[in-house]
Amino acid sequence: MPANLDTNKHALLSGFIKAISENDTKTLSTKFGLSHAVILEIQDLLPIYFHAGAILSAPPLGSQDSQVNKAPLITVYDTGDGDIAVECFILENNEPSEAILHVSFSASNPNTLSYEFIDS
């Protein structure tokens, strides 16, 4: 079921991708609760999808209508239990990449981003 991404959730999404881009392990650990093993997994994925030195970012809020190969830059949906799932293309130097970030926000803690995985 479609849902909307509010400004608070988008800010968390943007901050998460910025922390990945800047290899900010402290923020990934303390603000987003990622373990050292998960951070290493993300670091191992980056060279597969991105050029060295690339600046990574989230698509702008409202990008649900912008598309890459007929897929929206951001897809947001209610999982049926009140949780919000988000899939978004990670931008590389302000251009859509093939990497898709999957995160969620629980109904019980809507201002906490939970990392799921990155794929293409």
PDB file of N, CA and C in Angstrom:
ATOM      1  N   MET A   1       0.836  -1.153   0.000  1.00  0.00           N
ATOM      2  CA  MET A   1       0.000   0.000   0.000  1.00  0.00           C
ATOM      3  C   MET A   1       0.899   1.241   0.000  1.00  0.00           C
ATOM      4  N   PRO A   2       0.661   2.194  -0.902  1.00  0.00           N
ATOM      5  CA  PRO A   2       1.498   3.397  -0.959  1.00  0.00           C
ATOM      6  C   PRO A   2       1.423   4.208   0.333  1.00  0.00           C
ATOM      7  N   ALA A   3       2.492   4.879   0.649  1.00  0.00           N
ATOM      8  CA  ALA A   3       2.565   5.750   1.825  1.00  0.00           C
ATOM      9  C   ALA A   3       3.410   6.959   1.452  1.00  0.00           C
ATOM     10  N   ASN A   4       3.475   7.916   2.345  1.00  0.00           N
ATOM     11  CA  ASN A   4       4.260   9.121   2.100  1.00  0.00           C
ATOM     12  C   ASN A   4       5.484   9.162   3.000  1.00  0.00           C
ATOM     13  N   LEU A   5       6.512   9.820   2.498  1.00  0.00           N
ATOM     14  CA  LEU A   5       7.740  10.028   3.263  1.00  0.00           C
ATOM     15  C   LEU A   5       7.714  11.468   3.762  1.00  0.00           C
ATOM     16  N   ASP A   6       7.585  11.649   5.081  1.00  0.00           N
ATOM     17  CA  ASP A   6       7.537  13.006   5.615  1.00  0.00           C
ATOM     18  C   ASP A   6       8.949  13.592   5.712  1.00  0.00           C
ATOM     19  N   THR A   7       9.016  14.868   6.053  1.00  0.00           N
ATOM     20  CA  THR A   7      10.314  15.557   6.076  1.00  0.00           C
ATOM     21  C   THR A   7      11.258  14.977   7.122  1.00  0.00           C
ATOM     22  N   ASN A   8      10.732  14.534   8.263  1.00  0.00           N
ATOM     23  CA  ASN A   8      11.599  13.946   9.296  1.00  0.00           C
ATOM     24  C   ASN A   8      12.225  12.645   8.817  1.00  0.00           C
ATOM     25  N   LYS A   9      11.423  11.788   8.214  1.00  0.00           N
ATOM     26  CA  LYS A   9      11.949  10.514   7.713  1.00  0.00           C
ATOM     27  C   LYS A   9      12.930  10.752   6.565  1.00  0.00           C
ATOM     28  N   HIS A  10      12.622  11.722   5.704  1.00  0.00           N
ATOM     29  CA  HIS A  10      13.537  12.028   4.601  1.00  0.00           C
ATOM     30  C   HIS A  10      14.864  12.561   5.140  1.00  0.00           C
ATOM     31  N   ALA A  11      14.805  13.375   6.190  1.00  0.00           N
ATOM     32  CA  ALA A  11      16.042  13.890   6.795  1.00  0.00           C
ATOM     33  C   ALA A  11      16.884  12.744   7.355  1.00  0.00           C
ATOM     34  N   LEU A  12      16.241  11.760   7.973  1.00  0.00           N
ATOM     35  CA  LEU A  12      16.973  10.587   8.472  1.00  0.00           C
ATOM     36  C   LEU A  12      17.584   9.802   7.320  1.00  0.00           C
ATOM     37  N   LEU A  13      16.813   9.611   6.255  1.00  0.00           N
ATOM     38  CA  LEU A  13      17.313   8.908   5.074  1.00  0.00           C
ATOM     39  C   LEU A  13      18.525   9.637   4.492  1.00  0.00           C
ATOM     40  N   SER A  14      18.419  10.945   4.353  1.00  0.00           N
ATOM     41  CA  SER A  14      19.532  11.749   3.824  1.00  0.00           C
ATOM     42  C   SER A  14      20.753  11.671   4.729  1.00  0.00           C
ATOM     43  N   GLY A  15      20.533  11.752   6.036  1.00  0.00           N
ATOM     44  CA  GLY A  15      21.642  11.663   6.984  1.00  0.00           C
ATOM     45  C   GLY A  15      22.321  10.310   6.960  1.00  0.00           C
ATOM     46  N   PHE A  16      21.527   9.264   6.777  1.00  0.00           N
ATOM     47  CA  PHE A  16      22.079   7.914   6.704  1.00  0.00           C
ATOM     48  C   PHE A  16      22.979   7.772   5.474  1.00  0.00           C
ATOM     49  N   ILE A  17      22.488   8.217   4.322  1.00  0.00           N
ATOM     50  CA  ILE A  17      23.287   8.108   3.095  1.00  0.00           C
ATOM     51  C   ILE A  17      24.514   9.006   3.175  1.00  0.00           C
ATOM     52  N   LYS A  18      24.379  10.180   3.779  1.00  0.00           N
ATOM     53  CA  LYS A  18      25.543  11.059   3.959  1.00  0.00           C
ATOM     54  C   LYS A  18      26.593  10.372   4.825  1.00  0.00           C
ATOM     55  N   ALA A  19      26.161   9.706   5.893  1.00  0.00           N
ATOM     56  CA  ALA A  19      27.105   8.994   6.767  1.00  0.00           C
ATOM     57  C   ALA A  19      27.806   7.875   6.004  1.00  0.00           C
ATOM     58  N   ILE A  20      27.081   7.193   5.130  1.00  0.00           N
ATOM     59  CA  ILE A  20      27.706   6.161   4.289  1.00  0.00           C
ATOM     60  C   ILE A  20      28.731   6.807   3.367  1.00  0.00           C
ATOM     61  N   SER A  21      28.330   7.903   2.719  1.00  0.00           N
ATOM     62  CA  SER A  21      29.204   8.587   1.763  1.00  0.00           C
ATOM     63  C   SER A  21      30.494   9.064   2.417  1.00  0.00           C
ATOM     64  N   GLU A  22      30.381   9.560   3.643  1.00  0.00           N
ATOM     65  CA  GLU A  22      31.539  10.114   4.348  1.00  0.00           C
ATOM     66  C   GLU A  22      32.262   9.079   5.199  1.00  0.00           C
ATOM     67  N   ASN A  23      31.826   7.824   5.103  1.00  0.00           N
ATOM     68  CA  ASN A  23      32.410   6.739   5.902  1.00  0.00           C
ATOM     69  C   ASN A  23      32.424   7.118   7.387  1.00  0.00           C
ATOM     70  N   ASP A  24      31.324   7.703   7.827  1.00  0.00           N
ATOM     71  CA  ASP A  24      31.185   8.170   9.204  1.00  0.00           C
ATOM     72  C   ASP A  24      30.683   7.014  10.073  1.00  0.00           C
ATOM     73  N   THR A  25      31.609   6.164  10.473  1.00  0.00           N
ATOM     74  CA  THR A  25      31.244   4.966  11.230  1.00  0.00           C
ATOM     75  C   THR A  25      30.641   5.312  12.595  1.00  0.00           C
ATOM     76  N   LYS A  26      31.054   6.421  13.176  1.00  0.00           N
ATOM     77  CA  LYS A  26      30.500   6.817  14.474  1.00  0.00           C
ATOM     78  C   LYS A  26      29.006   7.114  14.347  1.00  0.00           C
ATOM     79  N   THR A  27      28.622   7.893  13.342  1.00  0.00           N
ATOM     80  CA  THR A  27      27.206   8.204  13.135  1.00  0.00           C
ATOM     81  C   THR A  27      26.420   6.951  12.782  1.00  0.00           C
ATOM     82  N   LEU A  28      26.978   6.121  11.908  1.00  0.00           N
ATOM     83  CA  LEU A  28      26.280   4.886  11.539  1.00  0.00           C
ATOM     84  C   LEU A  28      26.041   4.004  12.760  1.00  0.00           C
ATOM     85  N   SER A  29      26.988   3.997  13.670  1.00  0.00           N
ATOM     86  CA  SER A  29      26.872   3.180  14.875  1.00  0.00           C
ATOM     87  C   SER A  29      25.958   3.814  15.923  1.00  0.00           C
ATOM     88  N   THR A  30      26.220   5.079  16.260  1.00  0.00           N
ATOM     89  CA  THR A  30      25.489   5.697  17.369  1.00  0.00           C
ATOM     90  C   THR A  30      24.095   6.179  16.981  1.00  0.00           C
ATOM     91  N   LYS A  31      23.961   6.822  15.845  1.00  0.00           N
ATOM     92  CA  LYS A  31      22.662   7.381  15.455  1.00  0.00           C
ATOM     93  C   LYS A  31      21.756   6.341  14.806  1.00  0.00           C
ATOM     94  N   PHE A  32      22.362   5.421  14.036  1.00  0.00           N
ATOM     95  CA  PHE A  32      21.551   4.467  13.282  1.00  0.00           C
ATOM     96  C   PHE A  32      21.649   3.038  13.811  1.00  0.00           C
ATOM     97  N   GLY A  33      22.449   2.825  14.848  1.00  0.00           N
ATOM     98  CA  GLY A  33      22.488   1.540  15.528  1.00  0.00           C
ATOM     99  C   GLY A  33      23.093   0.388  14.755  1.00  0.00           C
ATOM    100  N   LEU A  34      23.949   0.691  13.774  1.00  0.00           N
ATOM    101  CA  LEU A  34      24.563  -0.384  12.995  1.00  0.00           C
ATOM    102  C   LEU A  34      25.736  -1.001  13.752  1.00  0.00           C
ATOM    103  N   SER A  35      25.840  -2.298  13.660  1.00  0.00           N
ATOM    104  CA  SER A  35      26.978  -2.994  14.260  1.00  0.00           C
ATOM    105  C   SER A  35      28.206  -2.807  13.378  1.00  0.00           C
ATOM    106  N   HIS A  36      29.361  -3.099  13.949  1.00  0.00           N
ATOM    107  CA  HIS A  36      30.614  -3.010  13.194  1.00  0.00           C
ATOM    108  C   HIS A  36      30.566  -3.923  11.965  1.00  0.00           C
ATOM    109  N   ALA A  37      30.009  -5.114  12.112  1.00  0.00           N
ATOM    110  CA  ALA A  37      29.930  -6.067  10.996  1.00  0.00           C
ATOM    111  C   ALA A  37      29.062  -5.533   9.858  1.00  0.00           C
ATOM    112  N   VAL A  38      27.947  -4.891  10.185  1.00  0.00           N
ATOM    113  CA  VAL A  38      27.068  -4.340   9.147  1.00  0.00           C
ATOM    114  C   VAL A  38      27.746  -3.158   8.459  1.00  0.00           C
ATOM    115  N   ILE A  39      28.433  -2.326   9.224  1.00  0.00           N
ATOM    116  CA  ILE A  39      29.163  -1.200   8.630  1.00  0.00           C
ATOM    117  C   ILE A  39      30.219  -1.721   7.661  1.00  0.00           C
ATOM    118  N   LEU A  40      30.944  -2.757   8.038  1.00  0.00           N
ATOM    119  CA  LEU A  40      31.940  -3.353   7.134  1.00  0.00           C
ATOM    120  C   LEU A  40      31.284  -3.911   5.876  1.00  0.00           C
ATOM    121  N   GLU A  41      30.119  -4.511   6.029  1.00  0.00           N
ATOM    122  CA  GLU A  41      29.392  -5.043   4.873  1.00  0.00           C
ATOM    123  C   GLU A  41      29.036  -3.922   3.898  1.00  0.00           C
ATOM    124  N   ILE A  42      28.556  -2.799   4.432  1.00  0.00           N
ATOM    125  CA  ILE A  42      28.232  -1.647   3.586  1.00  0.00           C
ATOM    126  C   ILE A  42      29.497  -1.126   2.909  1.00  0.00           C
ATOM    127  N   GLN A  43      30.587  -0.995   3.662  1.00  0.00           N
ATOM    128  CA  GLN A  43      31.845  -0.513   3.084  1.00  0.00           C
ATOM    129  C   GLN A  43      32.327  -1.430   1.968  1.00  0.00           C
ATOM    130  N   ASP A  44      32.108  -2.726   2.105  1.00  0.00           N
ATOM    131  CA  ASP A  44      32.501  -3.672   1.059  1.00  0.00           C
ATOM    132  C   ASP A  44      31.648  -3.525  -0.194  1.00  0.00           C
ATOM    133  N   LEU A  45      30.404  -3.082  -0.040  1.00  0.00           N
ATOM    134  CA  LEU A  45      29.507  -2.912  -1.184  1.00  0.00           C
ATOM    135  C   LEU A  45      29.805  -1.654  -1.997  1.00  0.00           C
ATOM    136  N   LEU A  46      30.298  -0.624  -1.347  1.00  0.00           N
ATOM    137  CA  LEU A  46      30.449   0.670  -2.017  1.00  0.00           C
ATOM    138  C   LEU A  46      31.256   0.608  -3.307  1.00  0.00           C
ATOM    139  N   PRO A  47      32.422  -0.061  -3.346  1.00  0.00           N
ATOM    140  CA  PRO A  47      33.185  -0.084  -4.601  1.00  0.00           C
ATOM    141  C   PRO A  47      32.485  -0.851  -5.727  1.00  0.00           C
ATOM    142  N   ILE A  48      31.531  -1.682  -5.379  1.00  0.00           N
ATOM    143  CA  ILE A  48      30.779  -2.412  -6.409  1.00  0.00           C
ATOM    144  C   ILE A  48      29.865  -1.456  -7.168  1.00  0.00           C
ATOM    145  N   TYR A  49      29.293  -0.493  -6.457  1.00  0.00           N
ATOM    146  CA  TYR A  49      28.293   0.397  -7.048  1.00  0.00           C
ATOM    147  C   TYR A  49      28.797   1.791  -7.401  1.00  0.00           C
ATOM    148  N   PHE A  50      29.858   2.257  -6.719  1.00  0.00           N
ATOM    149  CA  PHE A  50      30.231   3.659  -6.850  1.00  0.00           C
ATOM    150  C   PHE A  50      31.708   3.838  -7.157  1.00  0.00           C
ATOM    151  N   HIS A  51      32.027   4.944  -7.857  1.00  0.00           N
ATOM    152  CA  HIS A  51      33.411   5.312  -8.121  1.00  0.00           C
ATOM    153  C   HIS A  51      34.043   5.857  -6.845  1.00  0.00           C
ATOM    154  N   ALA A  52      35.333   5.685  -6.708  1.00  0.00           N
ATOM    155  CA  ALA A  52      36.058   6.230  -5.551  1.00  0.00           C
ATOM    156  C   ALA A  52      35.867   7.744  -5.515  1.00  0.00           C
ATOM    157  N   GLY A  53      35.616   8.272  -4.351  1.00  0.00           N
ATOM    158  CA  GLY A  53      35.457   9.712  -4.185  1.00  0.00           C
ATOM    159  C   GLY A  53      34.087  10.251  -4.546  1.00  0.00           C
ATOM    160  N   ALA A  54      33.172   9.392  -4.945  1.00  0.00           N
ATOM    161  CA  ALA A  54      31.827   9.844  -5.302  1.00  0.00           C
ATOM    162  C   ALA A  54      31.120  10.397  -4.070  1.00  0.00           C
ATOM    163  N   ILE A  55      30.288  11.393  -4.292  1.00  0.00           N
ATOM    164  CA  ILE A  55      29.457  11.939  -3.224  1.00  0.00           C
ATOM    165  C   ILE A  55      28.083  11.298  -3.352  1.00  0.00           C
ATOM    166  N   LEU A  56      27.680  10.599  -2.302  1.00  0.00           N
ATOM    167  CA  LEU A  56      26.401   9.900  -2.305  1.00  0.00           C
ATOM    168  C   LEU A  56      25.352  10.739  -1.595  1.00  0.00           C
ATOM    169  N   SER A  57      24.119  10.675  -2.090  1.00  0.00           N
ATOM    170  CA  SER A  57      23.029  11.423  -1.465  1.00  0.00           C
ATOM    171  C   SER A  57      21.704  10.731  -1.747  1.00  0.00           C
ATOM    172  N   ALA A  58      20.693  11.173  -1.014  1.00  0.00           N
ATOM    173  CA  ALA A  58      19.333  10.669  -1.213  1.00  0.00           C
ATOM    174  C   ALA A  58      18.641  11.518  -2.270  1.00  0.00           C
ATOM    175  N   PRO A  59      17.712  10.926  -3.003  1.00  0.00           N
ATOM    176  CA  PRO A  59      16.902  11.747  -3.909  1.00  0.00           C
ATOM    177  C   PRO A  59      16.132  12.788  -3.098  1.00  0.00           C
ATOM    178  N   PRO A  60      15.826  13.925  -3.704  1.00  0.00           N
ATOM    179  CA  PRO A  60      15.090  14.959  -2.973  1.00  0.00           C
ATOM    180  C   PRO A  60      13.695  14.473  -2.568  1.00  0.00           C
ATOM    181  N   LEU A  61      13.177  15.070  -1.516  1.00  0.00           N
ATOM    182  CA  LEU A  61      11.818  14.773  -1.087  1.00  0.00           C
ATOM    183  C   LEU A  61      10.868  15.080  -2.241  1.00  0.00           C
ATOM    184  N   GLY A  62       9.928  14.221  -2.492  1.00  0.00           N
ATOM    185  CA  GLY A  62       9.015  14.393  -3.616  1.00  0.00           C
ATOM    186  C   GLY A  62       9.475  13.681  -4.863  1.00  0.00           C
ATOM    187  N   SER A  63      10.549  12.906  -4.771  1.00  0.00           N
ATOM    188  CA  SER A  63      11.086  12.207  -5.942  1.00  0.00           C
ATOM    189  C   SER A  63      10.303  10.952  -6.304  1.00  0.00           C
ATOM    190  N   GLN A  64       9.187  10.723  -5.629  1.00  0.00           N
ATOM    191  CA  GLN A  64       8.390   9.560  -5.972  1.00  0.00           C
ATOM    192  C   GLN A  64       7.917   9.629  -7.422  1.00  0.00           C
ATOM    193  N   ASP A  65       7.840  10.847  -7.981  1.00  0.00           N
ATOM    194  CA  ASP A  65       7.386  10.998  -9.360  1.00  0.00           C
ATOM    195  C   ASP A  65       8.530  10.986 -10.367  1.00  0.00           C
ATOM    196  N   SER A  66       9.778  11.110  -9.911  1.00  0.00           N
ATOM    197  CA  SER A  66      10.940  11.035 -10.798  1.00  0.00           C
ATOM    198  C   SER A  66      11.287   9.574 -11.001  1.00  0.00           C
ATOM    199  N   GLN A  67      11.728   9.230 -12.208  1.00  0.00           N
ATOM    200  CA  GLN A  67      11.933   7.815 -12.497  1.00  0.00           C
ATOM    201  C   GLN A  67      13.273   7.530 -13.148  1.00  0.00           C
ATOM    202  N   VAL A  68      13.739   6.299 -12.914  1.00  0.00           N
ATOM    203  CA  VAL A  68      14.902   5.735 -13.581  1.00  0.00           C
ATOM    204  C   VAL A  68      14.430   4.425 -14.182  1.00  0.00           C
ATOM    205  N   ASN A  69      14.529   4.301 -15.490  1.00  0.00           N
ATOM    206  CA  ASN A  69      14.067   3.079 -16.163  1.00  0.00           C
ATOM    207  C   ASN A  69      12.677   2.670 -15.681  1.00  0.00           C
ATOM    208  N   LYS A  70      11.780   3.651 -15.604  1.00  0.00           N
ATOM    209  CA  LYS A  70      10.377   3.458 -15.219  1.00  0.00           C
ATOM    210  C   LYS A  70      10.174   3.096 -13.754  1.00  0.00           C
ATOM    211  N   ALA A  71      11.213   3.178 -12.948  1.00  0.00           N
ATOM    212  CA  ALA A  71      11.080   2.952 -11.503  1.00  0.00           C
ATOM    213  C   ALA A  71      11.240   4.295 -10.795  1.00  0.00           C
ATOM    214  N   PRO A  72      10.389   4.592  -9.810  1.00  0.00           N
ATOM    215  CA  PRO A  72      10.538   5.859  -9.084  1.00  0.00           C
ATOM    216  C   PRO A  72      11.853   5.911  -8.305  1.00  0.00           C
ATOM    217  N   LEU A  73      12.403   7.114  -8.149  1.00  0.00           N
ATOM    218  CA  LEU A  73      13.644   7.266  -7.383  1.00  0.00           C
ATOM    219  C   LEU A  73      13.440   6.875  -5.926  1.00  0.00           C
ATOM    220  N   ILE A  74      12.249   7.128  -5.403  1.00  0.00           N
ATOM    221  CA  ILE A  74      11.901   6.723  -4.038  1.00  0.00           C
ATOM    222  C   ILE A  74      10.548   6.026  -4.078  1.00  0.00           C
ATOM    223  N   THR A  75      10.488   4.853  -3.483  1.00  0.00           N
ATOM    224  CA  THR A  75       9.221   4.139  -3.323  1.00  0.00           C
ATOM    225  C   THR A  75       8.977   3.986  -1.827  1.00  0.00           C
ATOM    226  N   VAL A  76       7.802   4.396  -1.399  1.00  0.00           N
ATOM    227  CA  VAL A  76       7.445   4.341   0.014  1.00  0.00           C
ATOM    228  C   VAL A  76       6.133   3.578   0.132  1.00  0.00           C
ATOM    229  N   TYR A  77       6.095   2.610   1.034  1.00  0.00           N
ATOM    230  CA  TYR A  77       4.833   1.896   1.220  1.00  0.00           C
ATOM    231  C   TYR A  77       4.651   1.451   2.662  1.00  0.00           C
ATOM    232  N   ASP A  78       3.379   1.345   3.018  1.00  0.00           N
ATOM    233  CA  ASP A  78       2.985   0.836   4.330  1.00  0.00           C
ATOM    234  C   ASP A  78       2.996  -0.678   4.228  1.00  0.00           C
ATOM    235  N   THR A  79       3.653  -1.334   5.140  1.00  0.00           N
ATOM    236  CA  THR A  79       3.783  -2.791   5.074  1.00  0.00           C
ATOM    237  C   THR A  79       2.524  -3.516   5.535  1.00  0.00           C
ATOM    238  N   GLY A  80       1.520  -2.771   5.960  1.00  0.00           N
ATOM    239  CA  GLY A  80       0.269  -3.378   6.379  1.00  0.00           C
ATOM    240  C   GLY A  80       0.087  -3.393   7.883  1.00  0.00           C
ATOM    241  N   ASP A  81       1.174  -3.241   8.600  1.00  0.00           N
ATOM    242  CA  ASP A  81       1.099  -3.226  10.063  1.00  0.00           C
ATOM    243  C   ASP A  81       1.462  -1.855  10.627  1.00  0.00           C
ATOM    244  N   GLY A  82       1.457  -0.847   9.752  1.00  0.00           N
ATOM    245  CA  GLY A  82       1.792   0.510  10.173  1.00  0.00           C
ATOM    246  C   GLY A  82       3.242   0.887   9.976  1.00  0.00           C
ATOM    247  N   ASP A  83       4.097  -0.107   9.744  1.00  0.00           N
ATOM    248  CA  ASP A  83       5.502   0.186   9.456  1.00  0.00           C
ATOM    249  C   ASP A  83       5.615   0.764   8.046  1.00  0.00           C
ATOM    250  N   ILE A  84       6.624   1.582   7.835  1.00  0.00           N
ATOM    251  CA  ILE A  84       6.878   2.200   6.536  1.00  0.00           C
ATOM    252  C   ILE A  84       8.168   1.621   5.970  1.00  0.00           C
ATOM    253  N   ALA A  85       8.095   1.112   4.749  1.00  0.00           N
ATOM    254  CA  ALA A  85       9.279   0.617   4.044  1.00  0.00           C
ATOM    255  C   ALA A  85       9.636   1.618   2.950  1.00  0.00           C
ATOM    256  N   VAL A  86      10.930   1.845   2.771  1.00  0.00           N
ATOM    257  CA  VAL A  86      11.412   2.799   1.772  1.00  0.00           C
ATOM    258  C   VAL A  86      12.484   2.124   0.934  1.00  0.00           C
ATOM    259  N   GLU A  87      12.348   2.267  -0.376  1.00  0.00           N
ATOM    260  CA  GLU A  87      13.385   1.849  -1.320  1.00  0.00           C
ATOM    261  C   GLU A  87      13.754   3.093  -2.108  1.00  0.00           C
ATOM    262  N   CYS A  88      15.044   3.402  -2.179  1.00  0.00           N
ATOM    263  CA  CYS A  88      15.432   4.575  -2.965  1.00  0.00           C
ATOM    264  C   CYS A  88      16.739   4.323  -3.698  1.00  0.00           C
ATOM    265  N   PHE A  89      16.816   4.885  -4.895  1.00  0.00           N
ATOM    266  CA  PHE A  89      18.070   4.878  -5.632  1.00  0.00           C
ATOM    267  C   PHE A  89      19.022   5.819  -4.909  1.00  0.00           C
ATOM    268  N   ILE A  90      20.227   5.365  -4.648  1.00  0.00           N
ATOM    269  CA  ILE A  90      21.238   6.242  -4.061  1.00  0.00           C
ATOM    270  C   ILE A  90      21.818   7.081  -5.195  1.00  0.00           C
ATOM    271  N   LEU A  91      21.857   8.392  -4.998  1.00  0.00           N
ATOM    272  CA  LEU A  91      22.433   9.272  -6.011  1.00  0.00           C
ATOM    273  C   LEU A  91      23.943   9.293  -5.861  1.00  0.00           C
ATOM    274  N   GLU A  92      24.635   9.235  -6.992  1.00  0.00           N
ATOM    275  CA  GLU A  92      26.092   9.349  -7.043  1.00  0.00           C
ATOM    276  C   GLU A  92      26.406  10.637  -7.777  1.00  0.00           C
ATOM    277  N   ASN A  93      26.956  11.609  -7.059  1.00  0.00           N
ATOM    278  CA  ASN A  93      27.228  12.929  -7.636  1.00  0.00           C
ATOM    279  C   ASN A  93      25.968  13.505  -8.283  1.00  0.00           C
ATOM    280  N   ASN A  94      24.851  13.395  -7.554  1.00  0.00           N
ATOM    281  CA  ASN A  94      23.533  13.921  -7.939  1.00  0.00           C
ATOM    282  C   ASN A  94      22.879  13.215  -9.118  1.00  0.00           C
ATOM    283  N   GLU A  95      23.378  12.061  -9.501  1.00  0.00           N
ATOM    284  CA  GLU A  95      22.770  11.266 -10.570  1.00  0.00           C
ATOM    285  C   GLU A  95      22.372   9.905 -10.011  1.00  0.00           C
ATOM    286  N   PRO A  96      21.228   9.371 -10.432  1.00  0.00           N
ATOM    287  CA  PRO A  96      20.828   8.046  -9.943  1.00  0.00           C
ATOM    288  C   PRO A  96      21.861   6.979 -10.293  1.00  0.00           C
ATOM    289  N   SER A  97      22.150   6.138  -9.327  1.00  0.00           N
ATOM    290  CA  SER A  97      23.048   5.001  -9.549  1.00  0.00           C
ATOM    291  C   SER A  97      22.184   3.755  -9.686  1.00  0.00           C
ATOM    292  N   GLU A  98      22.820   2.605  -9.809  1.00  0.00           N
ATOM    293  CA  GLU A  98      22.048   1.363  -9.850  1.00  0.00           C
ATOM    294  C   GLU A  98      21.782   0.823  -8.453  1.00  0.00           C
ATOM    295  N   ALA A  99      22.404   1.403  -7.439  1.00  0.00           N
ATOM    296  CA  ALA A  99      22.248   0.925  -6.064  1.00  0.00           C
ATOM    297  C   ALA A  99      20.924   1.402  -5.475  1.00  0.00           C
ATOM    298  N   ILE A 100      20.204   0.463  -4.881  1.00  0.00           N
ATOM    299  CA  ILE A 100      18.931   0.765  -4.233  1.00  0.00           C
ATOM    300  C   ILE A 100      19.065   0.458  -2.744  1.00  0.00           C
ATOM    301  N   LEU A 101      18.803   1.462  -1.932  1.00  0.00           N
ATOM    302  CA  LEU A 101      18.852   1.325  -0.481  1.00  0.00           C
ATOM    303  C   LEU A 101      17.464   0.960   0.031  1.00  0.00           C
ATOM    304  N   HIS A 102      17.403  -0.030   0.905  1.00  0.00           N
ATOM    305  CA  HIS A 102      16.154  -0.461   1.532  1.00  0.00           C
ATOM    306  C   HIS A 102      16.252  -0.173   3.026  1.00  0.00           C
ATOM    307  N   VAL A 103      15.313   0.624   3.536  1.00  0.00           N
ATOM    308  CA  VAL A 103      15.249   0.933   4.962  1.00  0.00           C
ATOM    309  C   VAL A 103      13.794   0.853   5.408  1.00  0.00           C
ATOM    310  N   SER A 104      13.592   0.909   6.711  1.00  0.00           N
ATOM    311  CA  SER A 104      12.225   0.913   7.224  1.00  0.00           C
ATOM    312  C   SER A 104      12.130   1.809   8.454  1.00  0.00           C
ATOM    313  N   PHE A 105      10.891   2.178   8.757  1.00  0.00           N
ATOM    314  CA  PHE A 105      10.547   2.957   9.942  1.00  0.00           C
ATOM    315  C   PHE A 105       9.387   2.236  10.612  1.00  0.00           C
ATOM    316  N   SER A 106       9.550   1.849  11.867  1.00  0.00           N
ATOM    317  CA  SER A 106       8.486   1.099  12.541  1.00  0.00           C
ATOM    318  C   SER A 106       7.404   2.042  13.055  1.00  0.00           C
ATOM    319  N   ALA A 107       6.190   1.529  13.138  1.00  0.00           N
ATOM    320  CA  ALA A 107       5.076   2.318  13.658  1.00  0.00           C
ATOM    321  C   ALA A 107       5.311   2.678  15.120  1.00  0.00           C
ATOM    322  N   SER A 108       5.968   1.791  15.857  1.00  0.00           N
ATOM    323  CA  SER A 108       6.196   2.032  17.281  1.00  0.00           C
ATOM    324  C   SER A 108       7.336   3.013  17.547  1.00  0.00           C
ATOM    325  N   ASN A 109       8.222   3.200  16.562  1.00  0.00           N
ATOM    326  CA  ASN A 109       9.343   4.125  16.706  1.00  0.00           C
ATOM    327  C   ASN A 109       9.579   4.809  15.358  1.00  0.00           C
ATOM    328  N   PRO A 110       8.647   5.689  14.948  1.00  0.00           N
ATOM    329  CA  PRO A 110       8.664   6.225  13.587  1.00  0.00           C
ATOM    330  C   PRO A 110       9.833   7.141  13.250  1.00  0.00           C
ATOM    331  N   ASN A 111      10.563   7.610  14.252  1.00  0.00           N
ATOM    332  CA  ASN A 111      11.699   8.494  13.984  1.00  0.00           C
ATOM    333  C   ASN A 111      13.030   7.769  14.085  1.00  0.00           C
ATOM    334  N   THR A 112      12.998   6.451  13.900  1.00  0.00           N
ATOM    335  CA  THR A 112      14.209   5.641  13.883  1.00  0.00           C
ATOM    336  C   THR A 112      14.284   4.893  12.562  1.00  0.00           C
ATOM    337  N   LEU A 113      15.357   5.137  11.820  1.00  0.00           N
ATOM    338  CA  LEU A 113      15.581   4.454  10.546  1.00  0.00           C
ATOM    339  C   LEU A 113      16.251   3.115  10.821  1.00  0.00           C
ATOM    340  N   SER A 114      15.722   2.063  10.220  1.00  0.00           N
ATOM    341  CA  SER A 114      16.331   0.732  10.320  1.00  0.00           C
ATOM    342  C   SER A 114      16.852   0.333   8.949  1.00  0.00           C
ATOM    343  N   TYR A 115      18.157   0.103   8.876  1.00  0.00           N
ATOM    344  CA  TYR A 115      18.784  -0.328   7.626  1.00  0.00           C
ATOM    345  C   TYR A 115      18.387  -1.767   7.339  1.00  0.00           C
ATOM    346  N   GLU A 116      18.041  -2.039   6.081  1.00  0.00           N
ATOM    347  CA  GLU A 116      17.723  -3.400   5.655  1.00  0.00           C
ATOM    348  C   GLU A 116      18.862  -3.952   4.788  1.00  0.00           C
ATOM    349  N   PHE A 117      19.049  -3.378   3.585  1.00  0.00           N
ATOM    350  CA  PHE A 117      20.112  -3.831   2.693  1.00  0.00           C
ATOM    351  C   PHE A 117      20.240  -2.884   1.506  1.00  0.00           C
ATOM    352  N   ILE A 118      21.297  -3.097   0.715  1.00  0.00           N
ATOM    353  CA  ILE A 118      21.522  -2.381  -0.539  1.00  0.00           C
ATOM    354  C   ILE A 118      21.625  -3.431  -1.632  1.00  0.00           C
ATOM    355  N   ASP A 119      20.899  -3.204  -2.734  1.00  0.00           N
ATOM    356  CA  ASP A 119      21.008  -4.090  -3.894  1.00  0.00           C
ATOM    357  C   ASP A 119      20.820  -3.265  -5.164  1.00  0.00           C
ATOM    358  N   SER A 120      20.651  -3.945  -6.276  1.00  0.00           N
ATOM    359  CA  SER A 120      20.421  -3.224  -7.534  1.00  0.00           C
ATOM    360  C   SER A 120      19.260  -3.840  -8.275  1.00  0.00           C
TER     361      SER A 120
END
